[in-house]
N, C-alpha and C. Protein backbone atom coordinates (compact mmCIF):
# COMPACT_ATOMS: atom_id res chain seq x y z
N MET A 1 25.51 53.38 47.25
CA MET A 1 24.31 53.52 47.77
C MET A 1 24.22 55.29 47.75
N GLY A 2 23.21 55.74 47.60
CA GLY A 2 23.67 57.32 47.82
C GLY A 2 23.74 57.75 49.26
N LYS A 3 24.11 58.89 49.55
CA LYS A 3 24.83 59.41 50.87
C LYS A 3 23.12 59.55 51.90
N THR A 4 22.76 59.61 52.93
CA THR A 4 22.05 60.08 53.65
C THR A 4 22.94 61.00 54.61
N LEU A 5 21.93 62.47 54.65
CA LEU A 5 21.55 63.34 55.84
C LEU A 5 20.85 62.89 57.03
N LYS A 6 21.48 62.78 57.95
CA LYS A 6 20.62 62.72 59.40
C LYS A 6 20.21 63.41 59.75
N TYR A 7 18.97 63.73 60.44
CA TYR A 7 18.44 65.07 61.45
C TYR A 7 19.46 65.69 62.28
N ASN A 8 20.09 64.52 62.70
CA ASN A 8 21.38 65.14 64.10
C ASN A 8 22.64 65.33 63.48
N ASP A 9 23.07 65.40 61.83
CA ASP A 9 24.34 65.99 61.43
C ASP A 9 24.28 67.40 61.57
N PRO A 10 25.80 67.73 61.58
CA PRO A 10 26.11 69.17 61.66
C PRO A 10 25.25 69.88 60.40
N GLY A 11 24.50 70.83 60.57
CA GLY A 11 23.99 71.70 59.53
C GLY A 11 22.57 71.34 59.06
N PHE A 12 21.79 70.09 59.73
CA PHE A 12 20.28 70.07 59.54
C PHE A 12 19.97 70.24 60.73
N ASN A 13 18.62 70.27 59.95
CA ASN A 13 17.71 71.12 61.16
C ASN A 13 16.92 69.59 62.55
N LYS A 14 17.33 70.62 63.33
CA LYS A 14 17.10 69.79 64.91
C LYS A 14 16.35 69.53 65.43
N LYS A 15 14.67 70.01 64.79
CA LYS A 15 13.66 69.80 65.52
C LYS A 15 13.08 68.83 65.38
N TYR A 16 12.21 68.08 65.80
CA TYR A 16 11.76 66.93 65.84
C TYR A 16 11.24 66.52 64.45
N PRO A 17 11.85 65.42 64.32
CA PRO A 17 11.66 64.88 62.68
C PRO A 17 10.18 64.38 62.54
N LEU A 18 9.64 64.27 61.46
CA LEU A 18 8.14 63.57 61.00
C LEU A 18 8.67 62.72 59.76
N MET A 19 8.99 63.99 58.24
CA MET A 19 9.04 63.18 57.13
C MET A 19 10.65 62.44 56.67
N LYS A 20 10.35 61.40 55.74
CA LYS A 20 11.33 61.31 55.10
C LYS A 20 11.32 61.32 53.78
N VAL A 21 12.54 61.75 53.03
CA VAL A 21 12.46 62.53 51.92
C VAL A 21 13.39 61.78 50.78
N VAL A 22 13.64 61.52 49.72
CA VAL A 22 14.60 60.89 48.49
C VAL A 22 15.00 62.04 47.41
N ILE A 23 15.62 62.53 47.41
CA ILE A 23 16.34 63.74 46.55
C ILE A 23 16.79 62.31 45.26
N ALA A 24 16.43 62.92 44.05
CA ALA A 24 16.85 61.92 43.03
C ALA A 24 17.45 62.39 41.86
N ASP A 25 18.60 63.08 41.76
CA ASP A 25 19.29 63.78 40.82
C ASP A 25 20.47 63.26 40.30
N ASP A 26 20.90 63.61 39.04
CA ASP A 26 22.45 63.22 38.91
C ASP A 26 23.46 64.04 39.19
N SER A 27 22.88 65.72 39.44
CA SER A 27 23.54 66.87 39.45
C SER A 27 23.84 67.02 41.11
N SER A 28 25.04 66.94 41.64
CA SER A 28 25.21 67.09 42.91
C SER A 28 25.21 68.31 43.49
N LEU A 29 25.07 69.18 42.62
CA LEU A 29 24.64 70.65 43.14
C LEU A 29 23.04 70.87 43.48
N LEU A 30 22.65 70.29 42.34
CA LEU A 30 21.26 70.52 42.85
C LEU A 30 20.58 69.76 44.13
N ARG A 31 20.92 68.57 44.35
CA ARG A 31 20.74 67.81 45.28
C ARG A 31 21.53 68.88 46.62
N ASP A 32 22.49 69.53 46.62
CA ASP A 32 22.89 70.31 47.82
C ASP A 32 21.94 71.39 48.02
N ARG A 33 21.51 71.81 46.99
CA ARG A 33 20.63 73.04 46.82
C ARG A 33 19.00 72.58 47.32
N ILE A 34 18.61 71.53 47.04
CA ILE A 34 17.59 70.90 47.48
C ILE A 34 17.35 70.89 49.14
N LYS A 35 18.44 69.99 49.27
CA LYS A 35 18.91 69.66 50.83
C LYS A 35 18.86 71.26 51.54
N SER A 36 19.95 71.81 51.10
CA SER A 36 19.57 73.32 51.84
C SER A 36 18.00 74.08 52.13
N LEU A 37 17.64 73.54 50.86
CA LEU A 37 16.26 74.16 51.11
C LEU A 37 15.29 73.14 52.30
N LEU A 38 15.43 71.87 52.19
CA LEU A 38 14.92 70.80 53.06
C LEU A 38 15.14 71.04 54.36
N ASN A 39 16.31 71.52 54.51
CA ASN A 39 17.05 72.02 56.06
C ASN A 39 16.05 73.08 56.57
N SER A 40 15.44 74.17 56.09
CA SER A 40 14.67 75.25 56.64
C SER A 40 13.28 74.40 57.38
N ILE A 41 13.01 73.44 56.85
CA ILE A 41 11.45 72.56 56.80
C ILE A 41 11.85 71.59 58.28
N ASN A 42 11.24 72.16 59.35
CA ASN A 42 10.87 71.43 60.59
C ASN A 42 10.55 69.98 60.47
N ASP A 43 9.82 69.48 59.38
CA ASP A 43 9.34 68.15 59.37
C ASP A 43 10.20 67.22 58.80
N ILE A 44 10.84 67.55 58.27
CA ILE A 44 11.69 66.62 57.63
C ILE A 44 13.14 65.69 58.65
N SER A 45 12.79 64.32 58.76
CA SER A 45 13.52 63.55 59.79
C SER A 45 15.16 63.19 58.88
N MET A 46 14.82 63.04 57.82
CA MET A 46 16.00 61.86 56.87
C MET A 46 15.85 62.16 55.74
N VAL A 47 16.99 62.62 55.18
CA VAL A 47 16.94 63.06 53.41
C VAL A 47 17.90 61.91 52.99
N TYR A 48 17.19 61.08 51.84
CA TYR A 48 18.61 60.14 51.53
C TYR A 48 18.79 60.68 49.97
N GLU A 49 20.03 60.30 49.50
CA GLU A 49 20.56 60.71 47.95
C GLU A 49 20.67 59.86 47.31
N ALA A 50 20.16 60.09 45.76
CA ALA A 50 20.17 59.18 44.63
C ALA A 50 21.18 60.02 43.60
N LYS A 51 22.07 59.30 42.97
CA LYS A 51 22.51 59.91 41.96
C LYS A 51 22.42 59.49 40.36
N ASN A 52 21.23 58.60 40.26
CA ASN A 52 20.28 57.87 39.01
C ASN A 52 19.43 57.15 39.29
N GLY A 53 18.66 56.58 38.49
CA GLY A 53 17.43 56.24 38.57
C GLY A 53 17.39 54.85 39.55
N VAL A 54 18.32 53.98 39.12
CA VAL A 54 18.79 52.81 40.00
C VAL A 54 18.80 52.80 41.22
N GLU A 55 19.66 53.78 41.57
CA GLU A 55 19.59 53.98 43.20
C GLU A 55 18.62 54.45 43.36
N ALA A 56 17.88 55.49 43.25
CA ALA A 56 16.73 56.01 43.53
C ALA A 56 15.37 55.15 43.93
N LEU A 57 15.28 54.15 43.07
CA LEU A 57 14.31 53.04 43.19
C LEU A 57 14.87 52.07 44.13
N GLN A 58 16.09 51.86 44.14
CA GLN A 58 16.36 51.33 45.30
C GLN A 58 16.26 51.72 47.01
N LEU A 59 16.61 53.10 47.22
CA LEU A 59 16.20 54.08 48.39
C LEU A 59 14.85 53.82 48.41
N ILE A 60 14.18 54.00 47.32
CA ILE A 60 12.70 54.30 48.06
C ILE A 60 11.89 53.04 48.16
N MET A 61 12.34 52.28 47.59
CA MET A 61 12.00 50.81 48.26
C MET A 61 12.26 50.15 49.52
N GLU A 62 13.61 50.71 49.88
CA GLU A 62 14.37 50.21 51.24
C GLU A 62 14.19 51.12 52.32
N LYS A 63 13.68 52.49 52.51
CA LYS A 63 13.57 53.53 53.09
C LYS A 63 11.86 54.10 53.21
N GLU A 64 11.13 53.55 51.81
CA GLU A 64 9.62 54.08 51.84
C GLU A 64 9.40 55.63 52.48
N PRO A 65 9.97 56.32 51.70
CA PRO A 65 9.94 57.56 52.02
C PRO A 65 8.58 58.33 51.74
N ASP A 66 8.34 59.64 52.46
CA ASP A 66 7.04 59.67 52.49
C ASP A 66 6.80 61.21 51.02
N LEU A 67 8.29 61.48 50.57
CA LEU A 67 8.01 61.87 49.54
C LEU A 67 9.52 61.82 48.89
N ALA A 68 9.57 61.35 47.27
CA ALA A 68 10.61 61.49 46.33
C ALA A 68 10.54 62.75 45.67
N ILE A 69 11.61 63.89 45.33
CA ILE A 69 12.06 64.30 44.68
C ILE A 69 12.61 63.68 43.36
N ILE A 70 12.26 63.85 42.58
CA ILE A 70 12.74 63.12 41.20
C ILE A 70 13.10 63.87 39.74
N ASP A 71 14.28 63.57 39.48
CA ASP A 71 14.57 64.33 38.50
C ASP A 71 13.87 63.54 36.77
N ILE A 72 13.84 64.12 35.63
CA ILE A 72 13.34 63.35 34.73
C ILE A 72 14.37 62.33 33.98
N ARG A 73 15.52 63.20 33.76
CA ARG A 73 16.75 62.76 33.19
C ARG A 73 17.82 62.36 33.82
N MET A 74 17.91 61.19 34.02
CA MET A 74 18.89 60.83 34.91
C MET A 74 19.52 59.31 34.41
N PRO A 75 21.11 59.05 34.89
CA PRO A 75 21.51 58.01 34.01
C PRO A 75 20.81 56.98 34.88
N GLU A 76 21.08 55.54 34.33
CA GLU A 76 20.55 54.14 34.48
C GLU A 76 19.22 53.67 34.19
N MET A 77 18.38 54.94 34.77
CA MET A 77 16.69 54.79 34.63
C MET A 77 16.33 56.11 34.76
N ASN A 78 15.54 56.38 33.60
CA ASN A 78 14.79 57.92 33.92
C ASN A 78 13.65 58.08 34.81
N GLY A 79 13.52 59.16 35.21
CA GLY A 79 12.28 59.69 36.21
C GLY A 79 11.17 59.25 36.19
N ILE A 80 10.76 59.01 34.93
CA ILE A 80 9.61 58.17 34.56
C ILE A 80 9.47 57.01 34.78
N GLU A 81 10.31 56.36 34.49
CA GLU A 81 10.39 54.90 34.76
C GLU A 81 10.75 54.60 36.23
N VAL A 82 10.98 55.36 37.01
CA VAL A 82 11.08 55.38 38.19
C VAL A 82 10.25 55.74 39.20
N LEU A 83 9.21 56.41 38.65
CA LEU A 83 7.93 56.97 38.67
C LEU A 83 6.96 55.82 38.90
N LYS A 84 7.11 55.18 37.39
CA LYS A 84 6.02 53.86 37.24
C LYS A 84 6.24 52.74 38.08
N GLN A 85 7.54 52.70 38.18
CA GLN A 85 8.00 51.25 39.09
C GLN A 85 7.59 51.82 40.53
N ILE A 86 7.44 52.83 41.04
CA ILE A 86 7.06 53.08 42.32
C ILE A 86 5.38 52.95 42.59
N ARG A 87 4.91 53.20 41.45
CA ARG A 87 3.29 53.20 41.28
C ARG A 87 2.74 51.66 41.11
N LYS A 88 3.72 50.88 40.26
CA LYS A 88 3.45 49.64 40.11
C LYS A 88 3.55 48.64 41.43
N LEU A 89 4.49 49.27 42.23
CA LEU A 89 4.65 48.45 43.82
C LEU A 89 3.79 48.82 44.63
N ASN A 90 2.69 49.89 44.02
CA ASN A 90 1.89 50.37 45.46
C ASN A 90 2.01 51.00 46.48
N MET A 91 3.08 51.89 46.18
CA MET A 91 3.80 52.57 47.18
C MET A 91 3.07 54.03 47.58
N LYS A 92 3.03 54.27 48.64
CA LYS A 92 2.39 55.22 49.06
C LYS A 92 2.94 56.96 49.10
N THR A 93 4.71 56.45 48.87
CA THR A 93 5.67 57.75 48.40
C THR A 93 5.24 58.60 47.42
N ARG A 94 4.97 59.97 47.72
CA ARG A 94 4.63 60.96 46.81
C ARG A 94 5.52 60.95 45.97
N VAL A 95 5.24 61.39 44.92
CA VAL A 95 6.33 61.92 44.11
C VAL A 95 6.26 63.46 43.50
N CYS A 96 7.19 63.93 43.73
CA CYS A 96 7.17 65.43 43.00
C CYS A 96 8.56 65.11 41.95
N ILE A 97 8.14 65.62 40.70
CA ILE A 97 8.87 65.39 39.39
C ILE A 97 9.42 67.17 39.27
N LEU A 98 10.90 67.02 39.38
CA LEU A 98 11.41 68.09 39.44
C LEU A 98 12.35 68.02 38.23
N THR A 99 12.52 68.88 37.41
CA THR A 99 13.06 68.61 35.72
C THR A 99 13.47 70.42 35.16
N SER A 100 14.36 70.31 34.56
CA SER A 100 14.74 71.39 33.73
C SER A 100 14.15 71.67 32.66
N TYR A 101 13.29 70.47 31.98
CA TYR A 101 12.53 69.96 30.91
C TYR A 101 11.20 70.37 31.30
N PRO A 102 10.12 71.17 31.54
CA PRO A 102 8.89 70.99 31.97
C PRO A 102 8.19 71.82 30.58
N TYR A 103 8.12 70.69 29.54
CA TYR A 103 7.24 70.28 28.71
C TYR A 103 6.03 70.07 28.37
N PRO A 104 5.00 70.49 27.98
CA PRO A 104 3.52 69.79 28.49
C PRO A 104 3.78 67.93 28.01
N GLN A 105 4.34 67.54 27.39
CA GLN A 105 4.26 66.21 27.11
C GLN A 105 4.87 65.57 28.02
N TYR A 106 5.91 66.17 28.81
CA TYR A 106 6.69 65.11 29.96
C TYR A 106 5.69 65.62 31.13
N LYS A 107 4.91 66.56 30.92
CA LYS A 107 4.14 66.67 32.04
C LYS A 107 2.99 65.85 32.39
N LYS A 108 2.28 65.54 31.22
CA LYS A 108 1.20 64.81 30.98
C LYS A 108 1.71 63.65 30.94
N ARG A 109 3.00 63.16 30.70
CA ARG A 109 3.22 61.40 30.94
C ARG A 109 3.23 61.31 32.14
N CYS A 110 4.12 62.29 32.73
CA CYS A 110 4.60 62.26 34.38
C CYS A 110 3.15 62.23 34.88
N LEU A 111 1.93 62.95 34.67
CA LEU A 111 0.93 62.79 35.75
C LEU A 111 -0.12 61.75 35.55
N GLU A 112 0.18 61.36 34.31
CA GLU A 112 -0.68 59.89 33.52
C GLU A 112 -0.23 58.59 34.10
N ALA A 113 1.12 58.74 34.65
CA ALA A 113 1.96 57.60 35.33
C ALA A 113 2.04 57.60 36.97
N GLY A 114 1.11 58.66 37.44
CA GLY A 114 0.77 59.09 39.10
C GLY A 114 1.71 59.94 39.78
N ALA A 115 2.68 60.71 38.80
CA ALA A 115 2.85 62.21 39.87
C ALA A 115 2.17 63.00 40.43
N ASP A 116 2.64 62.96 41.43
CA ASP A 116 1.86 64.07 42.22
C ASP A 116 1.79 65.49 42.35
N TYR A 117 3.26 65.79 41.92
CA TYR A 117 3.74 67.32 41.51
C TYR A 117 4.40 67.31 40.06
N PHE A 118 4.65 68.28 39.69
CA PHE A 118 5.57 68.58 38.58
C PHE A 118 5.87 69.70 38.43
N LEU A 119 7.52 69.99 38.93
CA LEU A 119 7.68 71.22 38.71
C LEU A 119 8.87 71.58 37.73
N SER A 120 9.15 72.74 37.44
CA SER A 120 10.16 73.31 36.62
C SER A 120 11.51 73.65 37.91
N LYS A 121 12.58 73.06 37.60
CA LYS A 121 13.71 73.19 38.37
C LYS A 121 13.94 75.03 38.17
N ILE A 122 13.90 75.61 37.11
CA ILE A 122 14.22 76.92 37.04
C ILE A 122 12.70 77.72 37.34
N GLU A 123 11.68 77.74 37.21
CA GLU A 123 10.43 78.64 37.48
C GLU A 123 9.81 78.27 38.86
N ASP A 124 10.08 76.98 39.35
CA ASP A 124 9.23 76.53 40.59
C ASP A 124 10.09 75.98 41.64
N PHE A 125 10.88 75.94 41.67
CA PHE A 125 11.97 75.30 42.76
C PHE A 125 11.65 76.00 43.84
N GLU A 126 11.34 77.01 44.62
CA GLU A 126 11.02 77.14 45.67
C GLU A 126 9.45 76.99 45.93
N GLU A 127 9.00 76.31 45.11
CA GLU A 127 7.78 75.30 45.61
C GLU A 127 7.88 74.48 46.52
N ILE A 128 9.15 73.55 46.31
CA ILE A 128 9.33 72.39 47.01
C ILE A 128 9.06 72.45 48.32
N GLU A 129 8.88 73.97 49.06
CA GLU A 129 8.75 74.01 50.29
C GLU A 129 7.29 73.92 50.51
N ILE A 130 6.45 74.82 49.59
CA ILE A 130 4.85 74.36 49.59
C ILE A 130 4.43 73.17 49.49
N VAL A 131 5.30 72.31 48.97
CA VAL A 131 4.43 70.78 48.71
C VAL A 131 4.86 70.16 49.58
N ILE A 132 5.86 70.42 50.42
CA ILE A 132 6.13 69.56 51.62
C ILE A 132 5.17 70.23 52.71
N THR A 133 4.89 71.58 53.19
CA THR A 133 3.82 71.90 53.75
C THR A 133 2.73 71.48 53.59
N ASP A 134 2.63 71.67 52.24
CA ASP A 134 0.82 70.97 52.00
C ASP A 134 0.79 69.47 52.33
N MET A 135 1.85 68.68 51.76
CA MET A 135 1.88 67.32 52.51
C MET A 135 1.48 67.00 54.07
N VAL A 136 2.59 68.05 54.69
CA VAL A 136 2.19 67.86 56.26
C VAL A 136 1.06 68.37 57.04
N THR A 137 0.26 69.40 56.43
CA THR A 137 -0.68 69.92 56.49
C THR A 137 -1.91 68.69 56.78
N ASN A 138 -1.89 68.17 54.99
CA ASN A 138 -2.82 67.12 55.02
C ASN A 138 -2.78 65.79 55.31
N GLU A 139 -1.63 65.48 56.17
CA GLU A 139 -1.47 64.38 56.66
C GLU A 139 -1.88 64.48 58.41
N CYS A 140 -1.63 65.50 58.58
CA CYS A 140 -2.19 65.83 60.32
C CYS A 140 -3.76 65.92 60.38
């Protein structure tokens, strides 16, 4: 199963936690970059990591995160299939597809499958913080 970074681990934000997030990407470098970005957000309690689609779906079903940040192209199960399974299970988890392949046909498929956000790793990476801030604002 993927690694878990808890809010009381060294280097993680120690302010009062609110949200659980799953990061699913086969690149450990990208997962680390996302964790670093999330570390600056006060409203995160737990960050779970998955390196493939099967692991991602297992974590999402088990932990019921508020947000899942999912890559499209991953081993064992692609991000679109993970998204479809999340929606089939009627989970309330919001899904942000973060991809290196921001092609219109992928965006269309993801939004039709129920993605809440579709972001490019290259052009929109910093918008992850905006997505989470938006979620917190709309939840309160």
